[in-house]
C-alpha cells in the first residue's frame, strides 16, 4: 500500500531524513520507533508532503497505491490527505480548533456527501471510537472532552473518509496508562475489523510489542534495524535497538535502591484541598474537592511514588507540600516544622520541585548560570555563587562551561538535568518530582532515573515521585501510594504493591502498563477500565471507584456496600494499606494462589 524509497528531507544545515526506505502492506500495523530528534515525525510529514519551509523533501519516492505523492499537485494531494491517508497527531488539544464544535470539525473534511449524510457519518465514527451519546457530544467543543476522549475524536476525524492508511504520530504519549490502553485497543480493533493499515510513530516499545507486527528502528535520520517484532525484541542486532530495549522500565526488572532512614522528612495528616468554581452567568458556586483526607509520610533517603490518572490530585498534593496551595484542612509538616504563613518561606528551602516540562519551567531569556544563581539569591546564600553553580552542574553530569548557555541550546535530557540542579541549589531535604520523566524518551528516562538514584545515595535526598507509569515508579520508589479522585486507595512497598495489588484500581493500572515482550503481551489478560474518572465536583457516594470497578459479583455477592459506604484506608498486612471493602478477600486469594475471579 505504501512504499517509501530513498527518502531525503533537509533543513538548513541539517538532514533530518537520510535515505529512508520502508513499506507498509494493506492491513498491516508497522511501528517507526526511535528517540526524539531521530526523524520519525519528519518522515511522517514527508510521506504526506507536508514538510514546512525552510525544510524540503530533497529526493526520493513515496508510492501510495502506485502513485508518487511527491509528484502530485496540491489539489491532487488534497484528494489523498484525509480521504485515503488519515493522520492522528500527538496532542489532540492543539490539533483541534477550540472554537469549532466537534460536529463541524469532523464533517468539514468528509468528501462527496450531503450535509445530512456527513452528519450521519460523524455519528457513525464517533460511535466506532467508543464515545458515548455521540449525537449529543457532536455539539460540544474540544474543552468539554477529557484527554483520552479528545484523542478518540482525532481518530474519528481520521476515520471519517474510511482511509486505507492511518499515520498515528505518538498518539498515546501524553495519555495516562489506562487511557493509553483504550487507544491501543481501539487502533487494534480498527486494524482487525476494518483492515485499516497503521503506521505508528512512537518511542514506547511496550506499545509496539502490544500493537504492531513489524517495527522499524530509526536513529539520526536513518533506519538502523527492521523486522518482525518477535525477532527484533528477542534478538536485536543493532546496539541502538539493544540500548532502547534495555532502557524500558519493567514491572519485574531489577532495582538498586539505597536504604531509607528513620523518621519523616515529610508528614501530611488528613490534608484536604477545596477549590471554589463559579460558572459564568451563575451565582451558584461549586466546590471541587481536589484532595480529600490524604495522609502520607516520606522518610529521609526514601522515595515515595505517587501514581494515578490525570485529575486524581497528584500534582495538587505536590503543590500543597510546597506551600503553593494552602490546604483547606489537615496539616503538612516538613522536617519537623508545620507549614503555615510564618513558616512557608523557611519550608521552601527544605522542599524543591522538578516539573514535567523543563523547557517551559526554565526562563528562555536567562542563561543556565543565572537560573542556578536565582535560588541562591532568593535564599541568601553566603558562599561563592559562581563556584556553587559549577558544583551544581557537576553534580548533575554537566560541564561547568555550559553556565553561559541558554535553555534552547540544550537537549531535553540536559534541560531536565538543569532543572534538577536548580532544585538542588539550596540543599533541600525533599524534592517533589512532578512527572519529571514523563515527557522524555525511554533512554533519557533511564538516565534521569539513574541520576536521581545517584544523588539520593550521595546527598541523602528524599523524593516524592509523581507519575502515572507504574513501571517507572516501581523502578525508583521504595514505597508507592495510589490515588484516585483525591484519595489514597492503596499504599505499600513498591515490589509488594506491583507484584500483588490489593485494590482493583491498582490492578487495572498495572494491567494497562505495556511490557516490551510481544509473546507476553499477546497472552496477557488486561483490565481495561471503561469511562472517565468521575468529576470531583460531584464524586459518587460510597467507594469513588465502584462505578468503574472490574470486580464481579463472584468475589462477593453483595456489592451494595461499595455504593453506600466509603472504605477507609487501613493496614491489612505489615506495611500494606488499602481502602477497599473486599481487600481481605483479595489478600486471602493471593495467599492461597487461587485464581482471582474476573
Protein backbone atom coordinates (compact mmCIF):
# COMPACT_ATOMS: atom_id res chain seq x y z
CA UNK A 1 0.00 0.00 0.00
CA UNK A 2 2.78 2.41 0.94
CA UNK A 3 6.36 2.18 -0.31
CA UNK A 4 8.97 4.78 0.61
CA UNK A 5 12.20 4.73 -1.40
CA UNK A 6 15.44 6.56 -0.52
CA UNK A 7 13.61 9.49 1.10
CA UNK A 8 15.77 12.53 1.95
CA UNK A 9 14.40 15.58 3.80
CA UNK A 10 16.63 18.54 4.58
CA UNK A 11 16.53 21.65 6.72
CA UNK A 12 19.18 24.38 6.53
CA UNK A 13 22.37 22.81 7.86
CA UNK A 14 20.69 19.53 8.80
CA UNK A 15 19.49 16.36 7.06
CA UNK A 16 16.52 15.15 9.12
CA UNK A 17 15.67 12.10 6.97
CA UNK A 18 18.62 10.48 5.23
CA UNK A 19 17.84 7.79 2.65
CA UNK A 20 14.90 6.16 4.44
CA UNK A 21 13.08 3.30 2.76
CA UNK A 22 10.30 1.01 4.02
CA UNK A 23 6.93 -0.44 3.04
CA UNK A 24 3.54 -0.93 4.70
CA UNK A 25 1.26 -3.64 3.36
CA UNK A 26 -2.54 -3.44 3.30
CA UNK A 27 -3.97 -4.27 6.73
CA UNK A 28 -0.54 -4.21 8.42
CA UNK A 29 0.44 -2.33 11.57
CA UNK A 30 4.04 -1.11 11.43
CA UNK A 31 5.91 0.85 14.10
CA UNK A 32 8.51 3.54 13.48
CA UNK A 33 10.46 3.89 16.73
CA UNK A 34 13.35 6.00 17.96
CA UNK A 35 14.28 8.84 20.27
CA UNK A 36 13.16 12.44 19.86
CA UNK A 37 15.10 14.03 17.02
CA UNK A 38 15.63 10.72 15.20
CA UNK A 39 13.47 11.88 12.28
CA UNK A 40 10.28 9.89 12.90
CA UNK A 41 7.76 12.73 12.70
CA UNK A 42 9.60 14.42 9.82
CA UNK A 43 9.34 11.11 7.94
CA UNK A 44 5.57 11.08 8.50
CA UNK A 45 5.20 14.67 7.31
CA UNK A 46 7.39 13.89 4.30
CA UNK A 47 5.15 10.96 3.35
CA UNK A 48 2.23 13.40 3.11
CA UNK A 49 4.44 16.08 1.52
CA UNK A 50 3.63 18.43 4.41
CA UNK A 51 7.14 19.50 5.44
CA UNK A 52 7.10 23.21 6.22
CA UNK A 53 9.67 25.67 4.89
CA UNK A 54 12.57 26.06 5.28
CA UNK A 55 12.51 22.26 5.27
CA UNK A 56 12.01 20.40 2.00
CA UNK A 57 11.88 16.88 0.62
CA UNK A 58 15.11 16.82 -1.40
CA UNK A 59 14.76 13.44 -3.12
CA UNK A 60 13.17 10.01 -3.04
CA UNK A 61 9.80 8.47 -3.80
CA UNK A 62 6.65 7.95 -1.71
CA UNK A 63 4.47 5.48 -3.60
CA UNK A 64 0.94 5.19 -2.24
CA UNK A 65 -1.15 2.65 -4.13
CA UNK A 66 1.25 3.10 -7.04
CA UNK A 67 1.20 6.93 -7.18
CA UNK A 68 4.21 9.04 -6.16
CA UNK A 69 2.80 11.55 -3.66
CA UNK A 70 5.85 13.80 -4.04
CA UNK A 71 4.97 14.49 -7.65
CA UNK A 72 1.27 15.25 -7.20
CA UNK A 73 -0.11 18.79 -7.37
CA UNK A 74 -1.53 20.39 -4.22
CA UNK A 75 -5.11 19.81 -5.41
CA UNK A 76 -4.31 16.13 -6.10
CA UNK A 77 -2.71 15.79 -2.65
CA UNK A 78 -5.88 17.16 -1.02
CA UNK A 79 -7.68 14.19 -2.55
CA UNK A 80 -5.28 11.84 -0.73
CA UNK A 81 -4.84 13.56 2.66
CA UNK A 82 -7.76 12.68 4.87
CA UNK A 83 -9.55 10.73 2.14
CA UNK A 84 -7.00 7.95 1.59
CA UNK A 85 -4.49 8.60 4.38
CA UNK A 86 -5.69 9.74 7.80
CA UNK A 87 -3.41 11.44 10.33
CA UNK A 88 -3.61 11.31 14.14
CA UNK A 89 -1.37 13.83 15.91
CA UNK A 90 0.23 13.63 19.36
CA UNK A 91 -1.55 16.49 21.14
CA UNK A 92 -5.28 16.49 20.32
CA UNK A 93 -5.97 19.76 22.17
CA UNK A 94 -3.60 21.74 19.95
CA UNK A 95 -4.76 19.87 16.83
CA UNK A 96 -8.47 20.54 17.38
CA UNK A 97 -9.92 24.00 16.77
CA UNK A 98 -11.06 25.24 20.21
CA UNK A 99 -13.83 27.48 18.79
CA UNK A 100 -15.43 24.89 16.48
CA UNK A 101 -17.92 22.25 17.54
CA UNK A 102 -16.78 18.65 17.14
CA UNK A 103 -19.53 18.10 14.56
CA UNK A 104 -18.10 20.77 12.26
CA UNK A 105 -14.51 19.58 12.69
CA UNK A 106 -15.41 16.06 11.61
CA UNK A 107 -17.80 16.92 8.78
CA UNK A 108 -15.69 19.66 7.14
CA UNK A 109 -13.24 17.08 5.80
CA UNK A 110 -15.79 14.49 4.61
CA UNK A 111 -15.79 14.27 0.82
CA UNK A 112 -18.65 13.65 -1.64
CA UNK A 113 -21.57 13.64 0.82
CA UNK A 114 -24.57 15.79 1.57
CA UNK A 115 -24.66 17.63 4.89
CA UNK A 116 -27.13 15.10 6.32
CA UNK A 117 -25.05 12.11 5.22
CA UNK A 118 -21.89 13.75 6.56
CA UNK A 119 -23.57 14.22 9.94
CA UNK A 120 -24.65 10.57 9.93
CA UNK A 121 -21.07 9.56 9.14
CA UNK A 122 -19.84 11.73 12.03
CA UNK A 123 -22.21 9.91 14.40
CA UNK A 124 -21.03 6.58 12.96
CA UNK A 125 -17.31 7.25 13.51
CA UNK A 126 -17.91 8.74 16.97
CA UNK A 127 -19.74 5.54 17.88
CA UNK A 128 -16.96 3.48 16.32
CA UNK A 129 -14.29 5.03 18.53
CA UNK A 130 -16.35 4.48 21.67
CA UNK A 131 -17.60 7.97 22.54
CA UNK A 132 -20.88 7.62 24.47
CA UNK A 133 -24.01 9.51 23.37
CA UNK A 134 -22.34 10.61 20.11
CA UNK A 135 -25.24 12.66 18.75
CA UNK A 136 -25.24 14.92 21.80
CA UNK A 137 -21.43 15.10 22.05
CA UNK A 138 -21.13 16.32 18.45
CA UNK A 139 -22.47 19.68 19.64
CA UNK A 140 -19.67 20.02 22.26
CA UNK A 141 -16.41 21.93 21.94
CA UNK A 142 -13.00 20.25 22.49
CA UNK A 143 -12.59 21.61 26.03
CA UNK A 144 -15.61 19.56 27.13
CA UNK A 145 -13.75 16.30 26.47
CA UNK A 146 -11.08 14.57 28.53
CA UNK A 147 -7.63 13.94 27.04
CA UNK A 148 -8.48 10.37 26.08
CA UNK A 149 -11.80 11.38 24.54
CA UNK A 150 -10.11 14.17 22.55
CA UNK A 151 -7.71 11.60 21.14
CA UNK A 152 -10.72 9.45 20.20
CA UNK A 153 -12.18 12.46 18.38
CA UNK A 154 -8.90 12.79 16.45
CA UNK A 155 -9.12 9.12 15.45
CA UNK A 156 -12.79 9.63 14.47
CA UNK A 157 -11.73 12.51 12.19
CA UNK A 158 -9.04 10.30 10.64
CA UNK A 159 -11.65 7.57 10.01
CA UNK A 160 -14.33 9.86 8.59
CA UNK A 161 -13.41 9.16 4.95
CA UNK A 162 -12.62 5.48 5.61
CA UNK A 163 -8.94 5.80 4.70
CA UNK A 164 -6.80 2.85 3.72
CA UNK A 165 -3.91 4.01 5.92
CA UNK A 166 -3.70 5.85 9.24
CA UNK A 167 -0.46 7.53 10.32
CA UNK A 168 -0.53 7.89 14.11
CA UNK A 169 2.22 10.20 15.44
CA UNK A 170 2.78 9.46 19.15
CA UNK A 171 -0.99 9.05 19.75
CA UNK A 172 -0.60 7.79 23.34
CA UNK A 173 2.47 9.66 24.66
CA UNK A 174 0.60 12.36 26.60
CA UNK A 175 -2.08 9.99 27.98
CA UNK A 176 -2.47 8.07 31.23
CA UNK A 177 -1.69 4.36 31.05
CA UNK A 178 -5.39 3.45 31.37
CA UNK A 179 -6.40 5.79 28.52
CA UNK A 180 -3.36 4.62 26.56
CA UNK A 181 -4.64 1.04 26.85
CA UNK A 182 -8.03 2.12 25.50
CA UNK A 183 -6.44 3.87 22.48
CA UNK A 184 -4.16 0.89 21.76
CA UNK A 185 -7.12 -1.49 21.82
CA UNK A 186 -9.10 0.88 19.60
CA UNK A 187 -6.33 1.01 16.96
CA UNK A 188 -6.02 -2.78 17.08
CA UNK A 189 -9.80 -3.13 16.65
CA UNK A 190 -9.82 -0.77 13.65
CA UNK A 191 -6.98 -2.72 12.07
CA UNK A 192 -8.71 -6.04 12.71
CA UNK A 193 -12.31 -5.12 11.80
CA UNK A 194 -11.82 -2.58 9.00
CA UNK A 195 -8.49 -3.72 7.59
CA UNK A 196 -7.04 -0.23 8.07
CA UNK A 197 -3.25 -0.21 7.77
CA UNK A 198 -1.48 1.71 10.56
CA UNK A 199 1.93 3.37 10.62
CA UNK A 200 2.54 4.01 14.33
CA UNK A 201 5.23 6.52 15.29
CA UNK A 202 6.30 6.11 18.91
CA UNK A 203 9.20 5.77 21.33
CA UNK A 204 7.24 3.45 23.64
CA UNK A 205 8.44 -0.08 22.92
CA UNK A 206 5.77 -1.57 25.16
CA UNK A 207 3.09 -0.12 22.86
CA UNK A 208 4.94 -1.58 19.87
CA UNK A 209 5.00 -5.03 21.50
CA UNK A 210 1.26 -4.91 22.14
CA UNK A 211 0.04 -3.47 18.84
CA UNK A 212 2.46 -3.99 15.95
CA UNK A 213 3.52 -6.88 13.75
CA UNK A 214 6.68 -5.23 12.41
CA UNK A 215 8.97 -2.44 13.62
CA UNK A 216 11.47 -0.02 12.08
CA UNK A 217 14.11 1.47 14.38
CA UNK A 218 15.26 4.96 13.39
CA UNK A 219 18.31 6.92 14.54
CA UNK A 220 19.89 10.11 13.18
CA UNK A 221 17.55 10.10 10.19
CA UNK A 222 18.31 6.51 9.13
CA UNK A 223 16.60 3.13 9.57
CA UNK A 224 19.16 1.10 11.55
CA UNK A 225 17.11 -2.07 12.05
CA UNK A 226 13.79 -3.54 10.99
CA UNK A 227 11.91 -6.80 11.24
CA UNK A 228 9.01 -8.69 12.88
CA UNK A 229 8.55 -7.54 16.47
CA UNK A 230 9.06 -11.02 17.96
CA UNK A 231 12.52 -11.40 16.44
CA UNK A 232 13.52 -7.78 16.90
CA UNK A 233 12.63 -7.81 20.60
CA UNK A 234 14.08 -11.27 21.29
CA UNK A 235 17.36 -10.85 19.38
CA UNK A 236 18.04 -7.22 18.46
CA UNK A 237 21.04 -6.92 16.17
CA UNK A 238 21.84 -3.22 16.35
CA UNK A 239 23.40 -1.82 19.52
CA UNK A 240 20.97 1.13 19.46
CA UNK A 241 17.97 -1.23 19.47
CA UNK A 242 19.52 -3.15 22.37
CA UNK A 243 20.04 0.12 24.27
CA UNK A 244 16.41 1.18 23.72
CA UNK A 245 15.10 -2.18 24.97
CA UNK A 246 17.42 -2.13 27.99
CA UNK A 247 16.17 1.35 28.95
CA UNK A 248 12.48 0.36 29.13
CA UNK A 249 11.35 0.05 32.77
CA UNK A 250 9.72 -3.30 33.54
CA UNK A 251 7.42 -4.38 36.34
CA UNK A 252 9.71 -7.33 37.08
CA UNK A 253 13.04 -5.62 36.41
CA UNK A 254 15.96 -5.40 38.85
CA UNK A 255 16.22 -2.46 41.25
CA UNK A 256 19.08 -0.98 43.24
CA UNK A 257 17.84 1.44 45.90
CA UNK A 258 19.72 2.87 48.89
CA UNK A 259 18.15 2.11 52.29
CA UNK A 260 15.75 4.70 53.67
CA UNK A 261 16.42 6.38 57.00
CA UNK A 262 14.29 6.72 60.13
CA UNK A 263 11.82 9.45 60.97
CA UNK A 264 9.96 11.63 58.48
CA UNK A 265 11.12 14.48 56.26
CA UNK A 266 7.51 14.95 55.18
CA UNK A 267 4.34 14.06 57.06
CA UNK A 268 0.84 15.01 55.98
CA UNK A 269 -2.26 14.31 58.03
CA UNK A 270 -5.77 14.38 56.61
CA UNK A 271 -4.84 17.02 54.01
CA UNK A 272 -7.83 18.49 52.22
CA UNK A 273 -7.86 20.90 49.33
CA UNK A 274 -11.02 22.53 48.06
CA UNK A 275 -11.35 24.98 45.20
CA UNK A 276 -14.41 27.11 44.55
CA UNK A 277 -15.62 27.10 40.96
CA UNK A 278 -18.15 29.65 39.77
CA UNK A 279 -19.62 29.31 36.29
CA UNK A 280 -20.25 32.32 34.10
CA UNK A 281 -23.71 33.90 34.48
CA UNK A 282 -24.35 31.76 37.57
CA UNK A 283 -24.48 32.90 41.18
CA UNK A 284 -24.11 29.36 42.48
CA UNK A 285 -20.57 28.27 43.36
CA UNK A 286 -19.40 24.67 43.15
CA UNK A 287 -16.75 23.13 45.38
CA UNK A 288 -14.06 20.93 43.84
CA UNK A 289 -12.53 18.53 46.37
CA UNK A 290 -9.10 18.02 44.80
CA UNK A 291 -7.72 16.35 47.95
CA UNK A 292 -9.94 14.60 50.46
CA UNK A 293 -8.08 13.41 53.54
CA UNK A 294 -4.58 12.48 52.30
CA UNK A 295 -2.17 11.19 54.98
CA UNK A 296 1.33 10.22 53.81
CA UNK A 297 4.91 10.35 55.04
CA UNK A 298 8.37 10.27 53.44
CA UNK A 299 11.48 9.22 55.37
CA UNK A 300 14.99 10.64 54.84
CA UNK A 301 16.61 8.99 51.83
CA UNK A 302 13.29 7.42 50.76
CA UNK A 303 11.39 7.72 47.50
CA UNK A 304 7.61 7.64 47.76
CA UNK A 305 5.95 7.10 44.38
CA UNK A 306 2.56 8.72 43.87
CA UNK A 307 0.53 7.36 40.94
CA UNK A 308 -2.94 7.75 39.48
CA UNK A 309 -4.79 9.05 36.44
CA UNK A 310 -4.86 12.71 35.45
CA UNK A 311 -7.15 14.68 37.72
CA UNK A 312 -6.73 12.42 40.75
CA UNK A 313 -4.95 15.15 42.76
CA UNK A 314 -1.27 14.09 42.49
CA UNK A 315 0.10 17.47 41.36
CA UNK A 316 -2.22 19.32 43.74
CA UNK A 317 -0.77 17.28 46.60
CA UNK A 318 2.77 18.13 45.47
CA UNK A 319 1.93 21.84 45.41
CA UNK A 320 0.31 21.58 48.85
CA UNK A 321 3.56 20.11 50.19
CA UNK A 322 5.48 23.10 48.75
CA UNK A 323 3.00 25.63 50.11
CA UNK A 324 1.99 26.77 46.63
CA UNK A 325 -1.56 25.77 47.58
CA UNK A 326 -2.69 26.35 51.17
CA UNK A 327 -4.55 23.22 52.37
CA UNK A 328 -8.11 23.92 53.46
CA UNK A 329 -7.81 21.18 56.07
CA UNK A 330 -5.20 18.95 57.72
CA UNK A 331 -1.52 19.59 58.32
CA UNK A 332 1.71 19.43 56.31
CA UNK A 333 4.92 19.03 58.32
CA UNK A 334 8.35 19.31 56.69
CA UNK A 335 11.47 18.47 58.71
CA UNK A 336 9.50 18.86 61.93
CA UNK A 337 8.06 22.28 61.02
CA UNK A 338 4.35 22.61 60.28
CA UNK A 339 3.53 24.53 57.12
CA UNK A 340 1.87 27.88 57.82
CA UNK A 341 2.01 31.57 56.83
CA UNK A 342 5.01 32.21 59.11
CA UNK A 343 6.96 29.08 58.17
CA UNK A 344 6.24 28.93 54.44
CA UNK A 345 9.46 30.66 53.34
CA UNK A 346 11.59 28.53 55.66
CA UNK A 347 9.99 25.30 54.44
CA UNK A 348 10.54 26.18 50.78
CA UNK A 349 14.28 25.95 51.41
CA UNK A 350 13.80 22.33 52.50
CA UNK A 351 11.44 21.35 49.67
CA UNK A 352 12.04 21.96 45.98
CA UNK A 353 10.27 20.86 42.82
CA UNK A 354 11.20 19.44 39.41
CA UNK A 355 8.46 19.94 36.82
CA UNK A 356 7.38 17.80 33.87
CA UNK A 357 8.45 20.09 31.03
CA UNK A 358 11.90 21.56 31.68
CA UNK A 359 11.69 23.92 28.70
CA UNK A 360 8.57 25.70 29.97
CA UNK A 361 9.87 25.80 33.56
CA UNK A 362 13.18 27.44 32.60
CA UNK A 363 13.21 31.13 31.63
CA UNK A 364 14.36 31.16 27.98
CA UNK A 365 15.91 34.65 28.37
CA UNK A 366 18.19 33.66 31.24
CA UNK A 367 21.44 31.73 30.97
CA UNK A 368 21.78 28.48 32.88
CA UNK A 369 24.17 30.16 35.28
CA UNK A 370 21.64 32.92 36.02
CA UNK A 371 18.89 30.34 36.51
CA UNK A 372 21.00 28.47 39.07
CA UNK A 373 22.10 31.66 40.86
CA UNK A 374 18.49 32.86 41.25
CA UNK A 375 17.51 30.48 44.10
CA UNK A 376 20.85 31.23 45.79
CA UNK A 377 19.98 34.95 45.71
CA UNK A 378 16.43 34.38 46.96
CA UNK A 379 17.56 32.26 49.92
CA UNK A 380 20.57 34.43 50.81
CA UNK A 381 23.38 32.01 50.01
CA UNK A 382 26.56 33.41 51.58
CA UNK A 383 29.23 31.43 49.72
CA UNK A 384 30.83 31.86 46.30
CA UNK A 385 27.82 31.63 43.99
CA UNK A 386 29.77 31.02 40.78
CA UNK A 387 31.58 28.14 42.46
CA UNK A 388 28.24 26.77 43.66
CA UNK A 389 26.84 26.96 40.11
CA UNK A 390 29.84 24.98 38.82
CA UNK A 391 29.38 22.45 41.64
CA UNK A 392 25.67 22.02 40.82
CA UNK A 393 26.34 21.44 37.14
CA UNK A 394 28.97 18.86 38.03
CA UNK A 395 26.52 17.12 40.38
CA UNK A 396 24.06 16.51 37.52
CA UNK A 397 26.73 15.49 35.00
CA UNK A 398 27.05 18.74 33.02
CA UNK A 399 30.16 20.77 32.21
CA UNK A 400 30.61 23.98 34.23
CA UNK A 401 31.38 25.80 30.94
CA UNK A 402 27.72 25.34 29.98
CA UNK A 403 26.67 28.00 32.50
CA UNK A 404 26.77 30.70 29.82
CA UNK A 405 24.35 28.88 27.50
CA UNK A 406 20.59 29.37 27.21
CA UNK A 407 17.94 26.63 27.66
CA UNK A 408 17.26 26.29 23.92
CA UNK A 409 20.89 25.22 23.42
CA UNK A 410 20.35 22.05 25.44
CA UNK A 411 18.64 18.75 24.63
CA UNK A 412 15.54 17.67 26.54
CA UNK A 413 17.51 15.40 28.88
CA UNK A 414 20.10 18.09 29.55
CA UNK A 415 17.37 20.65 30.33
CA UNK A 416 15.88 18.26 32.87
CA UNK A 417 19.32 17.91 34.45
CA UNK A 418 19.47 21.72 34.71
CA UNK A 419 16.03 21.69 36.39
CA UNK A 420 17.31 19.12 38.90
CA UNK A 421 20.44 21.22 39.53
CA UNK A 422 18.25 24.25 40.24
CA UNK A 423 16.20 22.20 42.71
CA UNK A 424 19.43 21.15 44.47
CA UNK A 425 20.77 24.72 44.73
CA UNK A 426 19.58 25.43 48.29
CA UNK A 427 20.35 21.91 49.63
CA UNK A 428 16.77 20.71 50.15
CA UNK A 429 15.83 17.65 52.18
CA UNK A 430 12.93 16.69 49.88
CA UNK A 431 12.43 17.10 46.12
CA UNK A 432 8.98 16.80 44.56
CA UNK A 433 9.34 15.34 41.06
CA UNK A 434 6.07 16.12 39.25
CA UNK A 435 6.01 13.89 36.15
CA UNK A 436 9.72 14.68 35.82
CA UNK A 437 10.40 11.91 33.28
CA UNK A 438 7.01 11.63 31.53
CA UNK A 439 7.94 13.90 28.60
CA UNK A 440 11.27 12.13 27.94
CA UNK A 441 12.24 9.21 25.71
CA UNK A 442 12.91 5.88 27.43
CA UNK A 443 16.69 6.27 27.12
CA UNK A 444 16.56 9.76 28.66
CA UNK A 445 14.16 8.47 31.33
CA UNK A 446 16.73 5.83 32.28
CA UNK A 447 19.46 8.49 32.52
CA UNK A 448 17.38 10.78 34.76
CA UNK A 449 16.25 7.87 36.99
CA UNK A 450 19.90 6.81 37.38
CA UNK A 451 20.88 10.41 38.18
CA UNK A 452 18.17 10.74 40.84
CA UNK A 453 19.29 7.47 42.43
CA UNK A 454 22.94 8.58 42.45
CA UNK A 455 22.04 11.93 44.05
CA UNK A 456 19.95 10.13 46.67
CA UNK A 457 22.93 7.96 47.66
CA UNK A 458 25.37 10.87 47.75
CA UNK A 459 23.17 13.53 49.40
CA UNK A 460 20.58 11.51 51.33
CA UNK A 461 17.71 13.16 49.44
CA UNK A 462 14.08 12.15 49.82
CA UNK A 463 11.79 12.21 46.79
CA UNK A 464 8.07 12.48 46.28
CA UNK A 465 7.95 10.99 42.78
CA UNK A 466 4.68 11.80 40.99
CA UNK A 467 3.90 9.88 37.77
CA UNK A 468 1.23 7.78 36.08
CA UNK A 469 3.50 4.98 34.81
CA UNK A 470 3.74 2.28 37.50
CA UNK A 471 6.70 0.55 35.82
CA UNK A 472 8.82 3.70 36.01
CA UNK A 473 7.60 4.47 39.54
CA UNK A 474 8.44 0.96 40.77
CA UNK A 475 11.96 1.28 39.40
CA UNK A 476 12.82 4.28 41.58
CA UNK A 477 10.47 4.04 44.60
CA UNK A 478 10.75 2.37 47.99
CA UNK A 479 7.01 2.68 48.57
CA UNK A 480 4.10 3.55 46.28
CA UNK A 481 0.83 5.35 47.03
CA UNK A 482 -2.04 5.04 44.55
CA UNK A 483 -4.51 7.95 44.35
CA UNK A 484 -7.99 8.02 42.90
CA UNK A 485 -10.21 11.12 42.85
CA UNK A 486 -8.44 12.91 45.70
CA UNK A 487 -7.98 9.90 47.99
CA UNK A 488 -5.23 7.35 48.59
CA UNK A 489 -6.67 3.91 47.82
CA UNK A 490 -3.52 1.79 48.31
CA UNK A 491 -0.10 2.22 49.93
CA UNK A 492 2.72 -0.26 50.31
CA UNK A 493 6.26 -1.35 49.41
CA UNK A 494 6.84 -0.99 45.68
CA UNK A 495 7.61 -4.65 44.94
CA UNK A 496 4.71 -5.95 47.02
CA UNK A 497 2.22 -3.48 45.57
CA UNK A 498 3.18 -4.11 41.95
CA UNK A 499 3.55 -7.87 42.46
CA UNK A 500 0.25 -8.45 44.28
CA UNK A 501 -2.06 -5.39 44.21
CA UNK A 502 -4.87 -5.35 46.77
CA UNK A 503 -7.07 -2.66 45.23
CA UNK A 504 -8.80 -3.29 41.87
CA UNK A 505 -7.77 0.18 40.65
CA UNK A 506 -4.10 -0.65 41.26
CA UNK A 507 -4.59 -3.94 39.40
CA UNK A 508 -6.11 -2.04 36.46
CA UNK A 509 -3.20 0.43 36.36
CA UNK A 510 -0.70 -2.44 36.37
CA UNK A 511 -2.65 -4.29 33.69
CA UNK A 512 -2.55 -1.21 31.44
CA UNK A 513 1.27 -0.95 31.50
CA UNK A 514 2.52 -2.44 28.20
CA UNK A 515 5.59 -4.67 28.59
CA UNK A 516 8.34 -4.80 25.92
CA UNK A 517 7.68 -8.51 25.32
CA UNK A 518 5.43 -9.36 22.31
CA UNK A 519 4.60 -13.00 23.29
CA UNK A 520 3.76 -11.90 26.84
CA UNK A 521 1.57 -9.05 25.57
CA UNK A 522 -0.40 -11.40 23.30
CA UNK A 523 -1.30 -13.80 26.10
CA UNK A 524 -1.62 -11.34 28.98
CA UNK A 525 -5.15 -10.63 30.16
CA UNK A 526 -5.81 -6.93 30.61
CA UNK A 527 -8.25 -4.96 32.73
CA UNK A 528 -9.35 -2.07 30.52
CA UNK A 529 -11.28 0.48 32.57
CA UNK A 530 -14.30 1.95 30.85
CA UNK A 531 -15.37 5.57 31.12
CA UNK A 532 -13.53 8.50 32.64
CA UNK A 533 -12.72 9.44 36.20
CA UNK A 534 -15.87 10.98 37.80
CA UNK A 535 -15.91 14.72 38.27
CA UNK A 536 -14.53 15.95 41.63
CA UNK A 537 -17.43 18.46 41.58
CA UNK A 538 -19.81 15.57 42.27
CA UNK A 539 -17.92 12.48 43.46
CA UNK A 540 -20.05 9.32 43.66
CA UNK A 541 -21.22 8.12 47.07
CA UNK A 542 -19.55 5.21 48.78
CA UNK A 543 -16.37 3.97 47.13
CA UNK A 544 -15.48 6.50 44.46
CA UNK A 545 -14.21 3.73 42.20
CA UNK A 546 -17.25 1.46 42.38
CA UNK A 547 -18.75 2.69 39.07
CA UNK A 548 -15.65 1.55 37.15
CA UNK A 549 -14.64 -1.38 39.36
CA UNK A 550 -13.92 -4.56 37.36
CA UNK A 551 -14.54 -6.91 40.32
CA UNK A 552 -17.56 -9.06 39.61
CA UNK A 553 -20.19 -10.48 41.99
CA UNK A 554 -18.28 -13.79 42.09
CA UNK A 555 -15.86 -12.20 44.55
CA UNK A 556 -18.64 -11.10 46.85
CA UNK A 557 -22.35 -11.41 46.18
CA UNK A 558 -23.38 -8.24 47.98
CA UNK A 559 -21.81 -5.20 46.32
CA UNK A 560 -24.27 -2.63 47.70
CA UNK A 561 -21.78 -1.64 50.40
CA UNK A 562 -19.49 -0.25 47.67
CA UNK A 563 -22.14 2.24 46.60
CA UNK A 564 -23.17 3.30 50.10
CA UNK A 565 -20.14 3.22 52.42
CA UNK A 566 -16.80 4.93 51.88
CA UNK A 567 -13.93 2.47 52.53
CA UNK A 568 -11.25 3.62 54.97
CA UNK A 569 -7.53 3.28 54.22
CA UNK A 570 -6.43 0.62 56.71
CA UNK A 571 -3.45 -1.65 57.26
CA UNK A 572 -4.40 -5.26 56.48
CA UNK A 573 -0.84 -6.67 56.30
CA UNK A 574 2.51 -5.32 57.52
CA UNK A 575 3.16 -2.14 55.53
CA UNK A 576 0.17 -2.77 53.22
CA UNK A 577 -2.66 -0.23 53.40
CA UNK A 578 -5.76 -0.34 51.22
CA UNK A 579 -9.16 1.35 51.02
CA UNK A 580 -11.39 -1.44 49.69
CA UNK A 581 -14.31 -3.28 51.30
CA UNK A 582 -13.12 -6.57 49.80
CA UNK A 583 -9.35 -6.21 50.22
CA UNK A 584 -9.28 -9.00 52.82
CA UNK A 585 -10.76 -11.41 50.26
CA UNK A 586 -8.21 -10.26 47.67
CA UNK A 587 -5.38 -10.84 50.16
CA UNK A 588 -6.70 -14.30 51.01
CA UNK A 589 -6.93 -15.24 47.34
CA UNK A 590 -3.36 -14.03 46.76
CA UNK A 591 -2.10 -16.00 49.77
CA UNK A 592 -3.69 -19.27 48.64
CA UNK A 593 -2.71 -18.83 44.99
CA UNK A 594 -6.31 -19.18 43.83
CA UNK A 595 -7.22 -17.51 40.56
CA UNK A 596 -8.86 -14.13 41.11
CA UNK A 597 -12.41 -14.07 39.64
CA UNK A 598 -12.92 -11.53 36.84
